[in-house]
Amino acid sequence: MQPLIVILGPTATGKTDVGILLAERWNGEVISADSSAVYRGLDIGSAKPTPEEQQRVRFHLIDVADPDEVFTAAKFRDLALQAIGDIQSRGKRVLVVGGTGLYIRVLLHGFSLAPPPADPEVRARWRAELERVGAPALHERLKRIDPVAAARIHPNDAVRITRALEVYEMTGVPISQWQLHAQTELPAFKFGLTMPRELLYQRIDRRVDKMIEMGMLQEVQNLLRKGYNPDQPALKGLGYRHLIGYIQGHVGWDEAVQLWKRDTRRFAKRQLTWFRKEPGVHWIDASQGSEKTAELINTLLMEQGGFNDAEVD
């Protein structure tokens, strides 16, 4: 398999722009690694590439699920591997571009690494369910989705039971499968985009303002009018949950927008913490702009081998 080109990093660092420039340069197609962009109808808030951008470069794993579908990291990996096979069979390069660390981890490493760290919202839901039904009842549920793990865990071991259930909810893969350490890793050249924190936060604030100008409120209202439950994971994403709170009268407009910006800044910090643990990432200051960033990555790719001008259409 040809090495993948992976562009990762926090939100608002310009990953999509850089990915498009690189795909044009290397006759490639992009696999989107964004957990919101997989959903149909979540366009503005997920910062999907525009129709014009998708005419320049072909994107995969965008609009592959409805907002009320459960879409796991395991499902992402299956579809991404299919897309990789298709792209490479046509003699094109594969670029993976996105900020969902879990998606990138399971694609590149399979399930050979430790399970992902806890998600506070997922963990809180399972703790509430534990209080409601008790550990033995949750153990029975675990038996149905992961009998191997259930056999190892005592029915009263609430901590390990809820951890196994939350891992399955987050990834779609039983925790016992994560613990097999038996998957083959995919070869990849990995580039992380970063920039000074003050600049990143300014870009995040401007991005939220632009999404509002583009009609984000109308997008959320349309999703609710179609009957999608606000408690669906797809509508718990940044921006969507904040504007739903405004629509439902829980917060005022200014507060909703400020919370959206604040939570996006916090999310960017968590993304950076996650990606700093990814091995082999070449970190690049993207504050120089998308074109210069792409030029630098082009140079690095040629220096690392396996890339040359003869590949370019």
Protein backbone atom coordinates (compact mmCIF):
# COMPACT_ATOMS: atom_id res chain seq x y z
CA MET A 1 0.00 0.00 0.00
CA GLN A 2 1.22 3.49 -0.84
CA PRO A 3 1.72 5.67 2.24
CA LEU A 4 -1.21 7.90 3.04
CA ILE A 5 -0.80 11.66 3.39
CA VAL A 6 -2.46 12.65 6.66
CA ILE A 7 -3.28 16.26 7.56
CA LEU A 8 -4.47 16.57 11.17
CA GLY A 9 -4.72 19.18 13.89
CA PRO A 10 -7.11 21.37 15.84
CA THR A 11 -10.18 22.98 14.33
CA ALA A 12 -9.77 26.23 12.36
CA THR A 13 -6.14 25.62 11.39
CA GLY A 14 -6.94 25.40 7.67
CA LYS A 15 -6.70 21.64 7.18
CA THR A 16 -9.27 21.48 4.37
CA ASP A 17 -7.61 24.24 2.35
CA VAL A 18 -4.20 22.61 2.70
CA GLY A 19 -5.63 19.19 1.88
CA ILE A 20 -7.19 20.47 -1.34
CA LEU A 21 -3.94 22.09 -2.46
CA LEU A 22 -2.00 18.89 -1.75
CA ALA A 23 -4.57 16.70 -3.49
CA GLU A 24 -4.35 18.91 -6.57
CA ARG A 25 -0.56 18.76 -6.44
CA TRP A 26 -0.30 14.98 -6.02
CA ASN A 27 -3.26 13.78 -8.10
CA GLY A 28 -5.07 12.72 -4.97
CA GLU A 29 -8.47 12.37 -3.37
CA VAL A 30 -9.43 13.22 0.20
CA ILE A 31 -10.91 11.01 2.89
CA SER A 32 -12.60 13.32 5.39
CA ALA A 33 -11.89 12.37 9.01
CA ASP A 34 -14.57 14.51 10.61
CA SER A 35 -17.24 13.01 12.85
CA SER A 36 -19.80 15.72 11.97
CA ALA A 37 -19.22 15.80 8.22
CA VAL A 38 -20.38 12.18 7.87
CA TYR A 39 -23.96 13.36 8.53
CA ARG A 40 -26.30 14.63 5.84
CA GLY A 41 -27.74 18.04 6.61
CA LEU A 42 -24.93 19.05 8.96
CA ASP A 43 -23.21 21.29 6.43
CA ILE A 44 -22.41 24.68 7.89
CA GLY A 45 -21.63 23.59 11.43
CA SER A 46 -19.32 20.80 10.26
CA ALA A 47 -17.46 23.14 7.88
CA LYS A 48 -17.84 20.69 5.01
CA PRO A 49 -15.98 21.54 1.83
CA THR A 50 -18.16 23.67 -0.40
CA PRO A 51 -19.59 22.35 -3.68
CA GLU A 52 -16.92 24.38 -5.48
CA GLU A 53 -14.17 22.77 -3.40
CA GLN A 54 -15.61 19.33 -4.03
CA GLN A 55 -15.46 20.05 -7.77
CA ARG A 56 -11.74 20.74 -7.45
CA VAL A 57 -11.02 17.55 -5.47
CA ARG A 58 -13.07 14.45 -4.78
CA PHE A 59 -13.97 13.91 -1.11
CA HIS A 60 -14.96 10.63 0.51
CA LEU A 61 -16.90 9.90 3.75
CA ILE A 62 -18.97 13.06 3.57
CA ASP A 63 -22.79 12.71 3.78
CA VAL A 64 -22.73 8.95 4.39
CA ALA A 65 -25.21 8.82 7.30
CA ASP A 66 -28.45 10.43 8.45
CA PRO A 67 -28.37 12.42 11.71
CA ASP A 68 -30.36 9.73 13.55
CA GLU A 69 -27.95 6.94 12.60
CA VAL A 70 -25.28 5.61 14.95
CA PHE A 71 -21.93 6.16 13.23
CA THR A 72 -18.95 4.66 15.03
CA ALA A 73 -15.20 4.76 14.59
CA ALA A 74 -15.34 1.14 13.44
CA LYS A 75 -17.84 2.08 10.72
CA PHE A 76 -15.58 4.94 9.69
CA ARG A 77 -12.60 2.57 9.40
CA ASP A 78 -14.52 0.08 7.28
CA LEU A 79 -15.70 2.77 4.84
CA ALA A 80 -12.31 4.49 4.78
CA LEU A 81 -10.50 1.25 3.93
CA GLN A 82 -12.95 0.67 1.08
CA ALA A 83 -12.31 4.21 -0.17
CA ILE A 84 -8.54 3.75 0.07
CA GLY A 85 -8.74 0.61 -2.06
CA ASP A 86 -10.88 2.39 -4.63
CA ILE A 87 -8.66 5.48 -4.81
CA GLN A 88 -5.41 3.56 -5.09
CA SER A 89 -6.86 1.16 -7.68
CA ARG A 90 -7.29 4.21 -9.91
CA GLY A 91 -3.66 5.24 -9.47
CA LYS A 92 -4.36 8.21 -7.21
CA ARG A 93 -2.90 9.30 -3.90
CA VAL A 94 -4.92 9.10 -0.70
CA LEU A 95 -5.08 12.07 1.65
CA VAL A 96 -6.74 11.79 5.05
CA VAL A 97 -7.77 15.22 6.32
CA GLY A 98 -9.58 15.99 9.55
CA GLY A 99 -9.62 16.70 13.24
CA THR A 100 -11.42 13.69 14.73
CA GLY A 101 -8.54 12.02 16.51
CA LEU A 102 -10.36 8.77 17.19
CA TYR A 103 -11.14 8.29 13.49
CA ILE A 104 -7.53 8.85 12.50
CA ARG A 105 -6.28 6.57 15.26
CA VAL A 106 -8.42 3.58 14.32
CA LEU A 107 -7.74 4.06 10.59
CA LEU A 108 -3.97 4.18 10.93
CA HIS A 109 -3.50 1.80 13.84
CA GLY A 110 -6.58 -0.40 13.74
CA PHE A 111 -7.35 -1.49 17.26
CA SER A 112 -3.76 -2.20 18.19
CA LEU A 113 -3.55 0.71 20.61
CA ALA A 114 -5.29 1.16 23.94
CA PRO A 115 -8.99 2.08 23.88
CA PRO A 116 -9.68 5.82 23.64
CA PRO A 117 -9.85 7.94 26.79
CA ALA A 118 -13.23 8.56 28.32
CA ASP A 119 -15.58 11.12 26.81
CA PRO A 120 -17.09 13.12 29.72
CA GLU A 121 -20.59 13.23 28.17
CA VAL A 122 -20.64 9.52 27.35
CA ARG A 123 -19.33 8.61 30.80
CA ALA A 124 -21.92 10.81 32.52
CA ARG A 125 -24.74 9.07 30.62
CA TRP A 126 -23.56 5.62 31.66
CA ARG A 127 -23.11 6.68 35.28
CA ALA A 128 -26.67 8.00 35.28
CA GLU A 129 -27.87 4.71 33.79
CA LEU A 130 -25.90 2.84 36.46
CA GLU A 131 -27.70 4.80 39.16
CA ARG A 132 -31.02 4.03 37.48
CA VAL A 133 -30.75 0.28 36.84
CA GLY A 134 -27.73 -0.97 38.79
CA ALA A 135 -24.53 -2.80 37.83
CA PRO A 136 -26.03 -6.31 37.30
CA ALA A 137 -28.50 -4.99 34.72
CA LEU A 138 -25.71 -3.22 32.84
CA HIS A 139 -23.66 -6.40 33.02
CA GLU A 140 -26.48 -8.19 31.20
CA ARG A 141 -26.34 -5.59 28.44
CA LEU A 142 -22.58 -6.04 28.22
CA LYS A 143 -23.08 -9.78 27.75
CA ARG A 144 -25.04 -9.08 24.57
CA ILE A 145 -22.46 -6.79 22.95
CA ASP A 146 -19.21 -8.17 24.36
CA PRO A 147 -19.58 -11.62 25.97
CA VAL A 148 -15.80 -12.01 26.20
CA ALA A 149 -15.41 -8.90 28.35
CA ALA A 150 -18.53 -9.74 30.37
CA ALA A 151 -17.07 -13.13 31.26
CA ARG A 152 -14.02 -11.39 32.72
CA ILE A 153 -15.90 -8.72 34.68
CA HIS A 154 -17.84 -9.38 37.88
CA PRO A 155 -21.53 -8.35 37.65
CA ASN A 156 -21.01 -5.87 40.50
CA ASP A 157 -17.86 -4.26 39.08
CA ALA A 158 -19.56 -1.01 38.08
CA VAL A 159 -16.38 0.80 36.99
CA ARG A 160 -15.23 -1.83 34.50
CA ILE A 161 -18.76 -2.50 33.23
CA THR A 162 -19.46 1.15 32.45
CA ARG A 163 -16.00 1.58 30.91
CA ALA A 164 -16.65 -1.36 28.56
CA LEU A 165 -20.04 0.05 27.60
CA GLU A 166 -18.73 3.55 26.94
CA VAL A 167 -15.88 2.22 24.75
CA TYR A 168 -18.41 0.30 22.67
CA GLU A 169 -20.64 3.37 22.33
CA MET A 170 -17.73 5.57 21.26
CA THR A 171 -16.09 3.20 18.81
CA GLY A 172 -18.55 0.44 17.87
CA VAL A 173 -15.86 -2.08 18.80
CA PRO A 174 -16.00 -4.25 21.95
CA ILE A 175 -13.32 -3.47 24.51
CA SER A 176 -12.17 -7.09 24.30
CA GLN A 177 -11.36 -6.50 20.61
CA TRP A 178 -9.28 -3.45 21.49
CA GLN A 179 -7.34 -5.62 23.91
CA LEU A 180 -6.33 -8.18 21.27
CA HIS A 181 -3.58 -5.93 19.85
CA ALA A 182 -3.74 -7.71 16.52
CA GLN A 183 -4.27 -5.16 13.75
CA THR A 184 -1.81 -4.05 11.07
CA GLU A 185 -0.92 -0.37 10.93
CA LEU A 186 -1.21 1.64 7.71
CA PRO A 187 1.87 3.48 6.40
CA ALA A 188 1.45 7.23 6.44
CA PHE A 189 3.23 10.56 6.27
CA LYS A 190 1.58 12.63 9.01
CA PHE A 191 1.54 16.41 9.21
CA GLY A 192 -0.02 18.33 12.09
CA LEU A 193 -1.12 21.93 11.63
CA THR A 194 -0.79 24.29 14.55
CA MET A 195 -0.41 28.00 15.25
CA PRO A 196 -0.03 30.35 18.22
CA ARG A 197 -2.96 29.95 20.58
CA GLU A 198 -4.06 33.59 20.45
CA LEU A 199 -4.27 33.46 16.65
CA LEU A 200 -6.09 30.12 16.73
CA TYR A 201 -8.68 31.48 19.14
CA GLN A 202 -9.21 34.53 16.93
CA ARG A 203 -9.75 32.23 13.95
CA ILE A 204 -12.23 30.15 15.94
CA ASP A 205 -14.24 33.23 16.90
CA ARG A 206 -14.29 34.46 13.28
CA ARG A 207 -15.29 31.01 12.09
CA VAL A 208 -18.29 30.92 14.41
CA ASP A 209 -19.33 34.39 13.26
CA LYS A 210 -19.05 33.28 9.62
CA MET A 211 -21.14 30.17 10.28
CA ILE A 212 -23.85 32.36 11.74
CA GLU A 213 -23.73 34.62 8.68
CA MET A 214 -24.01 31.56 6.43
CA GLY A 215 -27.28 30.51 8.09
CA MET A 216 -26.31 28.11 10.85
CA LEU A 217 -29.46 28.91 12.85
CA GLN A 218 -31.64 28.04 9.86
CA GLU A 219 -29.71 24.80 9.38
CA VAL A 220 -30.41 23.76 12.97
CA GLN A 221 -34.07 24.73 12.69
CA ASN A 222 -34.40 22.65 9.51
CA LEU A 223 -32.96 19.60 11.24
CA LEU A 224 -35.41 19.95 14.12
CA ARG A 225 -38.33 20.47 11.72
CA LYS A 226 -37.43 17.21 10.03
CA GLY A 227 -38.00 15.49 13.36
CA TYR A 228 -34.45 14.72 14.42
CA ASN A 229 -34.14 14.31 18.17
CA PRO A 230 -31.88 16.93 19.81
CA ASP A 231 -30.47 14.13 21.96
CA GLN A 232 -29.02 12.33 18.94
CA PRO A 233 -25.19 12.33 19.05
CA ALA A 234 -25.08 14.14 15.69
CA LEU A 235 -26.87 17.15 17.21
CA LYS A 236 -24.65 17.23 20.29
CA GLY A 237 -21.79 18.67 18.26
CA LEU A 238 -20.33 22.14 18.55
CA GLY A 239 -22.74 24.82 17.46
CA TYR A 240 -25.69 22.47 17.07
CA ARG A 241 -26.24 21.89 20.79
CA HIS A 242 -25.66 25.57 21.53
CA LEU A 243 -28.22 26.82 19.03
CA ILE A 244 -30.68 24.12 20.06
CA GLY A 245 -30.38 25.51 23.58
CA TYR A 246 -31.23 28.95 22.19
CA ILE A 247 -34.17 27.63 20.16
CA GLN A 248 -35.55 25.81 23.20
CA GLY A 249 -35.27 28.96 25.31
CA HIS A 250 -32.61 27.69 27.72
CA VAL A 251 -30.14 30.48 26.88
CA GLY A 252 -30.25 33.83 25.12
CA TRP A 253 -28.66 34.45 21.72
CA ASP A 254 -25.51 36.21 22.94
CA GLU A 255 -24.90 33.58 25.61
CA ALA A 256 -25.39 30.74 23.12
CA VAL A 257 -22.84 32.25 20.74
CA GLN A 258 -20.30 32.91 23.49
CA LEU A 259 -20.67 29.37 24.84
CA TRP A 260 -20.22 28.03 21.32
CA LYS A 261 -16.97 29.97 20.92
CA ARG A 262 -15.73 29.03 24.38
CA ASP A 263 -16.46 25.33 23.92
CA THR A 264 -14.80 25.34 20.49
CA ARG A 265 -11.64 26.81 22.01
CA ARG A 266 -11.69 24.13 24.68
CA PHE A 267 -12.26 21.47 22.04
CA ALA A 268 -9.23 22.72 20.07
CA LYS A 269 -7.09 22.31 23.20
CA ARG A 270 -8.30 18.73 23.63
CA GLN A 271 -7.61 17.99 19.96
CA LEU A 272 -4.06 19.25 20.28
CA THR A 273 -3.50 17.17 23.43
CA TRP A 274 -4.79 14.07 21.62
CA PHE A 275 -2.72 14.59 18.48
CA ARG A 276 0.45 15.30 20.44
CA LYS A 277 0.31 11.62 21.43
CA GLU A 278 0.12 10.43 17.82
CA PRO A 279 3.55 9.06 16.86
CA GLY A 280 5.51 10.36 13.90
CA VAL A 281 3.67 13.64 13.28
CA HIS A 282 5.63 16.45 11.64
CA TRP A 283 4.22 19.64 13.17
CA ILE A 284 3.93 22.75 11.03
CA ASP A 285 3.04 26.33 11.94
CA ALA A 286 0.05 26.99 9.66
CA SER A 287 -0.18 30.69 10.54
CA GLN A 288 1.84 31.39 7.37
CA GLY A 289 -1.26 30.58 5.29
CA SER A 290 -2.56 27.58 3.38
CA GLU A 291 -0.45 27.98 0.24
CA LYS A 292 2.87 28.30 2.06
CA THR A 293 1.91 25.46 4.41
CA ALA A 294 1.09 23.22 1.45
CA GLU A 295 4.36 24.18 -0.26
CA LEU A 296 6.32 23.21 2.83
CA ILE A 297 4.54 19.86 3.05
CA ASN A 298 5.22 19.26 -0.65
CA THR A 299 8.92 19.79 -0.02
CA LEU A 300 8.92 17.49 2.99
CA LEU A 301 7.11 14.76 1.06
CA MET A 302 9.71 14.81 -1.70
CA GLU A 303 12.50 14.74 0.87
CA GLN A 304 10.97 11.74 2.65
CA GLY A 305 10.88 9.71 -0.56
CA GLY A 306 8.17 7.98 -2.56
CA PHE A 307 6.98 11.24 -4.10
CA ASN A 308 8.19 12.85 -7.28
CA ASP A 309 7.00 15.26 -9.96
CA ALA A 310 6.33 12.43 -12.41
CA GLU A 311 3.24 11.48 -10.39
CA VAL A 312 1.51 14.79 -10.97
CA ASP A 313 -1.04 15.07 -13.77
